[in-house]
Amino acid sequence: MATRDSQLPNPHGYFGQFGGKFVPETLMPALDELEQAYAEASTDSGFQQQFLQLCREYIGRPTPLYPAQQLSVKIGGATILLKREDLAHTGAHKINNALGQGLLAKYMGKTRIIAETGAGQHGVAVATVCAMLSL
């Protein structure tokens, strides 16, 4: 059985024989800056408190569990609960990651954000967070 420590990367970012950074060399300075800022922010109690407060007050976390009673009956009585991420601000779970990344960008002093989106929900979440944080 894996222990919690064995699930964490080593100081070089590897999980056992896997992991690391395989990116063009020109991106390494930006990734190093990001890695350093993340390490600082993850131990900054003010940053953590701001993130948790915005999760509660802006995103609407924790989202509720909804008992799927008819489905529970149909499959034989097991209790089925649905996590209602659709009730989070912007209508999906994408806002969770967008908020963390937006706060980290602000922490780093960044003023512009570039993001990709497929069906649009990630883009909406990023744009929403950027508007809220004045990025």
N, C-alpha and C. Protein backbone atom coordinates (compact mmCIF):
# COMPACT_ATOMS: atom_id res chain seq x y z
N MET A 1 0.85 -1.18 0.00
CA MET A 1 0.00 0.00 0.00
C MET A 1 0.89 1.24 0.00
N ALA A 2 0.53 2.19 -0.85
CA ALA A 2 1.31 3.43 -0.94
C ALA A 2 1.03 4.31 0.26
N THR A 3 2.08 4.95 0.74
CA THR A 3 1.92 5.91 1.83
C THR A 3 1.77 7.30 1.22
N ARG A 4 1.34 8.23 2.04
CA ARG A 4 1.17 9.60 1.55
C ARG A 4 2.49 10.14 1.02
N ASP A 5 3.58 9.88 1.74
CA ASP A 5 4.88 10.39 1.30
C ASP A 5 5.29 9.82 -0.05
N SER A 6 4.92 8.58 -0.34
CA SER A 6 5.32 7.98 -1.61
C SER A 6 4.51 8.55 -2.78
N GLN A 7 3.45 9.28 -2.49
CA GLN A 7 2.63 9.88 -3.54
C GLN A 7 3.08 11.30 -3.86
N LEU A 8 4.05 11.81 -3.12
CA LEU A 8 4.56 13.16 -3.36
C LEU A 8 5.79 13.09 -4.24
N PRO A 9 6.02 14.11 -5.08
CA PRO A 9 7.22 14.08 -5.90
C PRO A 9 8.46 14.35 -5.06
N ASN A 10 9.59 13.85 -5.56
CA ASN A 10 10.85 14.15 -4.88
C ASN A 10 11.24 15.60 -5.21
N PRO A 11 12.34 16.11 -4.64
CA PRO A 11 12.69 17.52 -4.87
C PRO A 11 12.88 17.91 -6.34
N HIS A 12 13.06 16.92 -7.22
CA HIS A 12 13.24 17.21 -8.64
C HIS A 12 11.94 17.08 -9.43
N GLY A 13 10.82 16.83 -8.73
CA GLY A 13 9.54 16.74 -9.39
C GLY A 13 9.18 15.37 -9.92
N TYR A 14 9.91 14.35 -9.51
CA TYR A 14 9.66 13.01 -10.01
C TYR A 14 8.83 12.19 -9.02
N PHE A 15 7.97 11.35 -9.56
CA PHE A 15 7.22 10.36 -8.80
C PHE A 15 7.86 9.02 -9.15
N GLY A 16 8.84 8.59 -8.34
CA GLY A 16 9.59 7.39 -8.70
C GLY A 16 10.39 7.69 -9.95
N GLN A 17 10.25 6.84 -10.97
CA GLN A 17 10.99 7.04 -12.21
C GLN A 17 10.29 8.01 -13.17
N PHE A 18 9.10 8.46 -12.81
CA PHE A 18 8.30 9.30 -13.70
C PHE A 18 8.30 10.75 -13.24
N GLY A 19 8.07 11.65 -14.17
CA GLY A 19 7.89 13.05 -13.81
C GLY A 19 8.98 13.94 -14.36
N GLY A 20 9.09 15.09 -13.78
CA GLY A 20 10.08 16.05 -14.23
C GLY A 20 9.46 17.09 -15.14
N LYS A 21 10.30 17.87 -15.76
CA LYS A 21 9.85 18.93 -16.66
C LYS A 21 10.41 18.64 -18.04
N PHE A 22 9.54 18.46 -18.99
CA PHE A 22 9.96 18.22 -20.36
C PHE A 22 9.33 19.32 -21.21
N VAL A 23 9.98 20.47 -21.23
CA VAL A 23 9.48 21.64 -21.93
C VAL A 23 10.64 22.32 -22.65
N PRO A 24 10.33 23.17 -23.63
CA PRO A 24 11.41 23.92 -24.28
C PRO A 24 12.20 24.74 -23.26
N GLU A 25 13.47 24.82 -23.48
CA GLU A 25 14.37 25.53 -22.55
C GLU A 25 13.95 26.99 -22.35
N THR A 26 13.36 27.60 -23.36
CA THR A 26 12.95 29.00 -23.24
C THR A 26 11.83 29.19 -22.21
N LEU A 27 11.12 28.12 -21.86
CA LEU A 27 10.05 28.23 -20.85
C LEU A 27 10.55 28.00 -19.43
N MET A 28 11.76 27.51 -19.28
CA MET A 28 12.26 27.16 -17.94
C MET A 28 12.29 28.34 -16.97
N PRO A 29 12.73 29.54 -17.36
CA PRO A 29 12.71 30.64 -16.39
C PRO A 29 11.30 30.94 -15.86
N ALA A 30 10.30 30.92 -16.74
CA ALA A 30 8.93 31.18 -16.29
C ALA A 30 8.44 30.06 -15.37
N LEU A 31 8.77 28.81 -15.69
CA LEU A 31 8.35 27.70 -14.84
C LEU A 31 9.08 27.71 -13.50
N ASP A 32 10.34 28.10 -13.51
CA ASP A 32 11.07 28.22 -12.24
C ASP A 32 10.46 29.32 -11.36
N GLU A 33 10.09 30.45 -11.98
CA GLU A 33 9.45 31.54 -11.24
C GLU A 33 8.11 31.07 -10.66
N LEU A 34 7.35 30.35 -11.46
CA LEU A 34 6.06 29.82 -11.01
C LEU A 34 6.24 28.83 -9.86
N GLU A 35 7.21 27.96 -9.99
CA GLU A 35 7.47 26.97 -8.95
C GLU A 35 7.85 27.64 -7.62
N GLN A 36 8.69 28.67 -7.69
CA GLN A 36 9.09 29.38 -6.49
C GLN A 36 7.90 30.11 -5.86
N ALA A 37 7.09 30.76 -6.67
CA ALA A 37 5.92 31.48 -6.16
C ALA A 37 4.93 30.51 -5.53
N TYR A 38 4.73 29.36 -6.15
CA TYR A 38 3.81 28.36 -5.60
C TYR A 38 4.31 27.87 -4.24
N ALA A 39 5.61 27.61 -4.15
CA ALA A 39 6.18 27.16 -2.87
C ALA A 39 5.97 28.21 -1.78
N GLU A 40 6.15 29.47 -2.12
CA GLU A 40 5.94 30.56 -1.14
C GLU A 40 4.46 30.69 -0.77
N ALA A 41 3.61 30.72 -1.78
CA ALA A 41 2.17 30.92 -1.53
C ALA A 41 1.55 29.76 -0.75
N SER A 42 2.06 28.56 -0.98
CA SER A 42 1.47 27.40 -0.29
C SER A 42 1.78 27.40 1.20
N THR A 43 2.74 28.20 1.63
CA THR A 43 3.03 28.31 3.06
C THR A 43 2.65 29.68 3.62
N ASP A 44 2.07 30.53 2.80
CA ASP A 44 1.65 31.87 3.21
C ASP A 44 0.22 31.80 3.74
N SER A 45 0.05 31.97 5.04
CA SER A 45 -1.28 31.81 5.63
C SER A 45 -2.27 32.85 5.09
N GLY A 46 -1.81 34.04 4.78
CA GLY A 46 -2.69 35.05 4.20
C GLY A 46 -3.22 34.64 2.84
N PHE A 47 -2.33 34.08 2.02
CA PHE A 47 -2.74 33.59 0.70
C PHE A 47 -3.76 32.47 0.86
N GLN A 48 -3.47 31.54 1.75
CA GLN A 48 -4.38 30.40 1.97
C GLN A 48 -5.73 30.88 2.48
N GLN A 49 -5.73 31.82 3.41
CA GLN A 49 -6.99 32.34 3.95
C GLN A 49 -7.80 33.04 2.87
N GLN A 50 -7.13 33.82 2.03
CA GLN A 50 -7.84 34.50 0.94
C GLN A 50 -8.46 33.49 -0.02
N PHE A 51 -7.70 32.45 -0.35
CA PHE A 51 -8.21 31.42 -1.25
C PHE A 51 -9.44 30.74 -0.66
N LEU A 52 -9.36 30.33 0.60
CA LEU A 52 -10.48 29.64 1.24
C LEU A 52 -11.70 30.56 1.37
N GLN A 53 -11.47 31.83 1.70
CA GLN A 53 -12.58 32.78 1.81
C GLN A 53 -13.27 32.95 0.46
N LEU A 54 -12.50 33.09 -0.61
CA LEU A 54 -13.09 33.24 -1.94
C LEU A 54 -13.79 31.96 -2.39
N CYS A 55 -13.25 30.82 -1.99
CA CYS A 55 -13.94 29.56 -2.30
C CYS A 55 -15.34 29.55 -1.69
N ARG A 56 -15.43 30.00 -0.45
CA ARG A 56 -16.73 30.03 0.24
C ARG A 56 -17.64 31.12 -0.32
N GLU A 57 -17.12 32.34 -0.38
CA GLU A 57 -17.96 33.50 -0.65
C GLU A 57 -18.14 33.83 -2.13
N TYR A 58 -17.21 33.41 -2.97
CA TYR A 58 -17.30 33.74 -4.39
C TYR A 58 -17.72 32.54 -5.23
N ILE A 59 -17.08 31.40 -4.97
CA ILE A 59 -17.41 30.19 -5.74
C ILE A 59 -18.69 29.54 -5.21
N GLY A 60 -18.85 29.58 -3.88
CA GLY A 60 -20.00 28.91 -3.28
C GLY A 60 -19.67 27.52 -2.77
N ARG A 61 -18.43 27.34 -2.32
CA ARG A 61 -17.99 26.04 -1.80
C ARG A 61 -18.27 25.96 -0.31
N PRO A 62 -18.50 24.82 0.23
CA PRO A 62 -18.60 23.57 -0.52
C PRO A 62 -19.95 23.47 -1.23
N THR A 63 -19.93 22.89 -2.42
CA THR A 63 -21.19 22.67 -3.12
C THR A 63 -21.90 21.50 -2.45
N PRO A 64 -23.23 21.50 -2.49
CA PRO A 64 -23.97 20.48 -1.74
C PRO A 64 -23.97 19.11 -2.41
N LEU A 65 -24.27 18.11 -1.58
CA LEU A 65 -24.54 16.76 -2.07
C LEU A 65 -26.05 16.62 -2.20
N TYR A 66 -26.48 15.99 -3.29
CA TYR A 66 -27.90 15.82 -3.55
C TYR A 66 -28.20 14.32 -3.58
N PRO A 67 -29.12 13.85 -2.75
CA PRO A 67 -29.46 12.42 -2.77
C PRO A 67 -30.26 12.07 -4.03
N ALA A 68 -29.72 11.18 -4.84
CA ALA A 68 -30.40 10.73 -6.06
C ALA A 68 -31.30 9.55 -5.66
N GLN A 69 -32.44 9.87 -5.08
CA GLN A 69 -33.30 8.86 -4.48
C GLN A 69 -33.81 7.85 -5.50
N GLN A 70 -34.29 8.29 -6.63
CA GLN A 70 -34.83 7.36 -7.62
C GLN A 70 -33.75 6.43 -8.17
N LEU A 71 -32.56 6.96 -8.41
CA LEU A 71 -31.46 6.13 -8.88
C LEU A 71 -31.04 5.14 -7.81
N SER A 72 -31.01 5.58 -6.56
CA SER A 72 -30.68 4.68 -5.45
C SER A 72 -31.64 3.51 -5.40
N VAL A 73 -32.93 3.78 -5.55
CA VAL A 73 -33.94 2.72 -5.53
C VAL A 73 -33.75 1.80 -6.74
N LYS A 74 -33.53 2.38 -7.90
CA LYS A 74 -33.41 1.61 -9.14
C LYS A 74 -32.26 0.62 -9.11
N ILE A 75 -31.15 0.97 -8.47
CA ILE A 75 -30.00 0.05 -8.45
C ILE A 75 -29.99 -0.87 -7.24
N GLY A 76 -31.02 -0.81 -6.43
CA GLY A 76 -31.12 -1.78 -5.36
C GLY A 76 -30.92 -1.25 -3.96
N GLY A 77 -30.92 0.03 -3.77
CA GLY A 77 -30.90 0.55 -2.42
C GLY A 77 -29.63 1.23 -1.96
N ALA A 78 -28.55 1.15 -2.74
CA ALA A 78 -27.33 1.87 -2.34
C ALA A 78 -27.62 3.36 -2.36
N THR A 79 -27.06 4.09 -1.42
CA THR A 79 -27.27 5.53 -1.39
C THR A 79 -26.36 6.19 -2.43
N ILE A 80 -26.97 6.86 -3.39
CA ILE A 80 -26.22 7.57 -4.43
C ILE A 80 -26.36 9.07 -4.14
N LEU A 81 -25.23 9.73 -4.04
CA LEU A 81 -25.21 11.18 -3.83
C LEU A 81 -24.54 11.84 -5.02
N LEU A 82 -25.11 12.91 -5.49
CA LEU A 82 -24.53 13.68 -6.58
C LEU A 82 -23.92 14.96 -6.02
N LYS A 83 -22.66 15.21 -6.35
CA LYS A 83 -21.99 16.44 -5.93
C LYS A 83 -22.38 17.53 -6.93
N ARG A 84 -23.00 18.59 -6.46
CA ARG A 84 -23.61 19.59 -7.32
C ARG A 84 -22.62 20.69 -7.70
N GLU A 85 -21.60 20.33 -8.47
CA GLU A 85 -20.62 21.32 -8.94
C GLU A 85 -21.26 22.31 -9.90
N ASP A 86 -22.40 21.96 -10.48
CA ASP A 86 -23.09 22.88 -11.37
C ASP A 86 -23.61 24.11 -10.63
N LEU A 87 -23.65 24.05 -9.30
CA LEU A 87 -24.10 25.19 -8.50
C LEU A 87 -22.97 26.15 -8.14
N ALA A 88 -21.72 25.78 -8.47
CA ALA A 88 -20.59 26.69 -8.25
C ALA A 88 -20.71 27.87 -9.21
N HIS A 89 -20.14 29.01 -8.82
CA HIS A 89 -20.14 30.19 -9.68
C HIS A 89 -19.54 29.81 -11.02
N THR A 90 -20.13 30.16 -12.09
CA THR A 90 -19.83 29.85 -13.49
C THR A 90 -20.36 28.48 -13.91
N GLY A 91 -20.97 27.73 -13.02
CA GLY A 91 -21.68 26.52 -13.39
C GLY A 91 -20.88 25.25 -13.58
N ALA A 92 -19.64 25.22 -13.12
CA ALA A 92 -18.83 24.01 -13.26
C ALA A 92 -17.66 24.06 -12.29
N HIS A 93 -16.95 22.95 -12.21
CA HIS A 93 -15.80 22.84 -11.31
C HIS A 93 -14.59 23.64 -11.80
N LYS A 94 -14.61 24.11 -13.02
CA LYS A 94 -13.45 24.80 -13.61
C LYS A 94 -13.02 26.03 -12.79
N ILE A 95 -13.95 26.66 -12.12
CA ILE A 95 -13.66 27.86 -11.33
C ILE A 95 -12.69 27.58 -10.19
N ASN A 96 -12.69 26.35 -9.67
CA ASN A 96 -11.81 26.00 -8.55
C ASN A 96 -10.34 26.21 -8.94
N ASN A 97 -9.95 25.63 -10.07
CA ASN A 97 -8.58 25.75 -10.54
C ASN A 97 -8.28 27.17 -11.01
N ALA A 98 -9.24 27.78 -11.70
CA ALA A 98 -9.03 29.14 -12.20
C ALA A 98 -8.79 30.11 -11.05
N LEU A 99 -9.51 29.95 -9.95
CA LEU A 99 -9.31 30.84 -8.80
C LEU A 99 -7.91 30.68 -8.23
N GLY A 100 -7.46 29.45 -8.02
CA GLY A 100 -6.12 29.23 -7.48
C GLY A 100 -5.05 29.80 -8.38
N GLN A 101 -5.18 29.58 -9.68
CA GLN A 101 -4.18 30.10 -10.61
C GLN A 101 -4.24 31.62 -10.71
N GLY A 102 -5.44 32.18 -10.68
CA GLY A 102 -5.57 33.63 -10.72
C GLY A 102 -4.96 34.30 -9.50
N LEU A 103 -5.23 33.72 -8.34
CA LEU A 103 -4.64 34.27 -7.11
C LEU A 103 -3.12 34.17 -7.13
N LEU A 104 -2.62 33.05 -7.64
CA LEU A 104 -1.16 32.89 -7.72
C LEU A 104 -0.57 33.91 -8.69
N ALA A 105 -1.22 34.13 -9.81
CA ALA A 105 -0.75 35.14 -10.77
C ALA A 105 -0.71 36.52 -10.12
N LYS A 106 -1.76 36.85 -9.39
CA LYS A 106 -1.82 38.14 -8.68
C LYS A 106 -0.69 38.22 -7.64
N TYR A 107 -0.48 37.13 -6.91
CA TYR A 107 0.58 37.03 -5.90
C TYR A 107 1.95 37.30 -6.54
N MET A 108 2.09 36.84 -7.79
CA MET A 108 3.35 37.01 -8.51
C MET A 108 3.49 38.38 -9.16
N GLY A 109 2.45 39.21 -9.07
CA GLY A 109 2.49 40.53 -9.67
C GLY A 109 2.17 40.54 -11.16
N LYS A 110 1.59 39.47 -11.66
CA LYS A 110 1.23 39.41 -13.08
C LYS A 110 0.00 40.28 -13.34
N THR A 111 -0.09 40.80 -14.55
CA THR A 111 -1.22 41.67 -14.89
C THR A 111 -2.02 41.15 -16.08
N ARG A 112 -1.52 40.13 -16.77
CA ARG A 112 -2.22 39.56 -17.92
C ARG A 112 -2.29 38.05 -17.76
N ILE A 113 -3.38 37.47 -18.23
CA ILE A 113 -3.58 36.03 -18.17
C ILE A 113 -3.92 35.54 -19.57
N ILE A 114 -3.30 34.45 -19.97
CA ILE A 114 -3.62 33.79 -21.24
C ILE A 114 -4.11 32.40 -20.89
N ALA A 115 -5.23 31.99 -21.46
CA ALA A 115 -5.79 30.68 -21.15
C ALA A 115 -6.36 30.05 -22.41
N GLU A 116 -6.45 28.74 -22.39
CA GLU A 116 -7.10 28.01 -23.47
C GLU A 116 -8.47 27.56 -22.99
N THR A 117 -9.34 27.27 -23.94
CA THR A 117 -10.64 26.69 -23.58
C THR A 117 -11.12 25.84 -24.74
N GLY A 118 -11.83 24.81 -24.42
CA GLY A 118 -12.39 23.93 -25.45
C GLY A 118 -13.84 24.29 -25.69
N ALA A 119 -14.71 23.77 -24.83
CA ALA A 119 -16.14 24.05 -24.96
C ALA A 119 -16.50 25.41 -24.38
N GLY A 120 -15.59 26.05 -23.69
CA GLY A 120 -15.82 27.40 -23.20
C GLY A 120 -15.90 27.56 -21.71
N GLN A 121 -16.16 26.49 -20.96
CA GLN A 121 -16.34 26.66 -19.51
C GLN A 121 -15.05 27.09 -18.82
N HIS A 122 -13.91 26.57 -19.25
CA HIS A 122 -12.65 26.99 -18.64
C HIS A 122 -12.38 28.46 -18.94
N GLY A 123 -12.62 28.87 -20.17
CA GLY A 123 -12.43 30.27 -20.53
C GLY A 123 -13.33 31.20 -19.74
N VAL A 124 -14.57 30.80 -19.55
CA VAL A 124 -15.51 31.61 -18.75
C VAL A 124 -15.01 31.71 -17.32
N ALA A 125 -14.55 30.60 -16.75
CA ALA A 125 -14.07 30.60 -15.37
C ALA A 125 -12.84 31.50 -15.23
N VAL A 126 -11.90 31.39 -16.16
CA VAL A 126 -10.69 32.22 -16.11
C VAL A 126 -11.06 33.70 -16.26
N ALA A 127 -11.92 34.02 -17.20
CA ALA A 127 -12.33 35.41 -17.41
C ALA A 127 -13.05 35.96 -16.18
N THR A 128 -13.86 35.13 -15.54
CA THR A 128 -14.60 35.55 -14.35
C THR A 128 -13.64 35.86 -13.21
N VAL A 129 -12.67 34.98 -13.00
CA VAL A 129 -11.68 35.19 -11.93
C VAL A 129 -10.84 36.42 -12.25
N CYS A 130 -10.41 36.57 -13.49
CA CYS A 130 -9.60 37.73 -13.86
C CYS A 130 -10.35 39.03 -13.64
N ALA A 131 -11.63 39.05 -13.97
CA ALA A 131 -12.43 40.25 -13.75
C ALA A 131 -12.53 40.56 -12.26
N MET A 132 -12.74 39.53 -11.46
CA MET A 132 -12.87 39.73 -10.01
C MET A 132 -11.56 40.21 -9.40
N LEU A 133 -10.43 39.72 -9.91
CA LEU A 133 -9.12 40.08 -9.37
C LEU A 133 -8.49 41.28 -10.09
N SER A 134 -9.19 41.87 -11.03
CA SER A 134 -8.68 43.00 -11.83
C SER A 134 -7.40 42.64 -12.57
N LEU A 135 -7.37 41.47 -13.14
CA LEU A 135 -6.22 41.03 -13.95
C LEU A 135 -6.51 41.27 -15.42
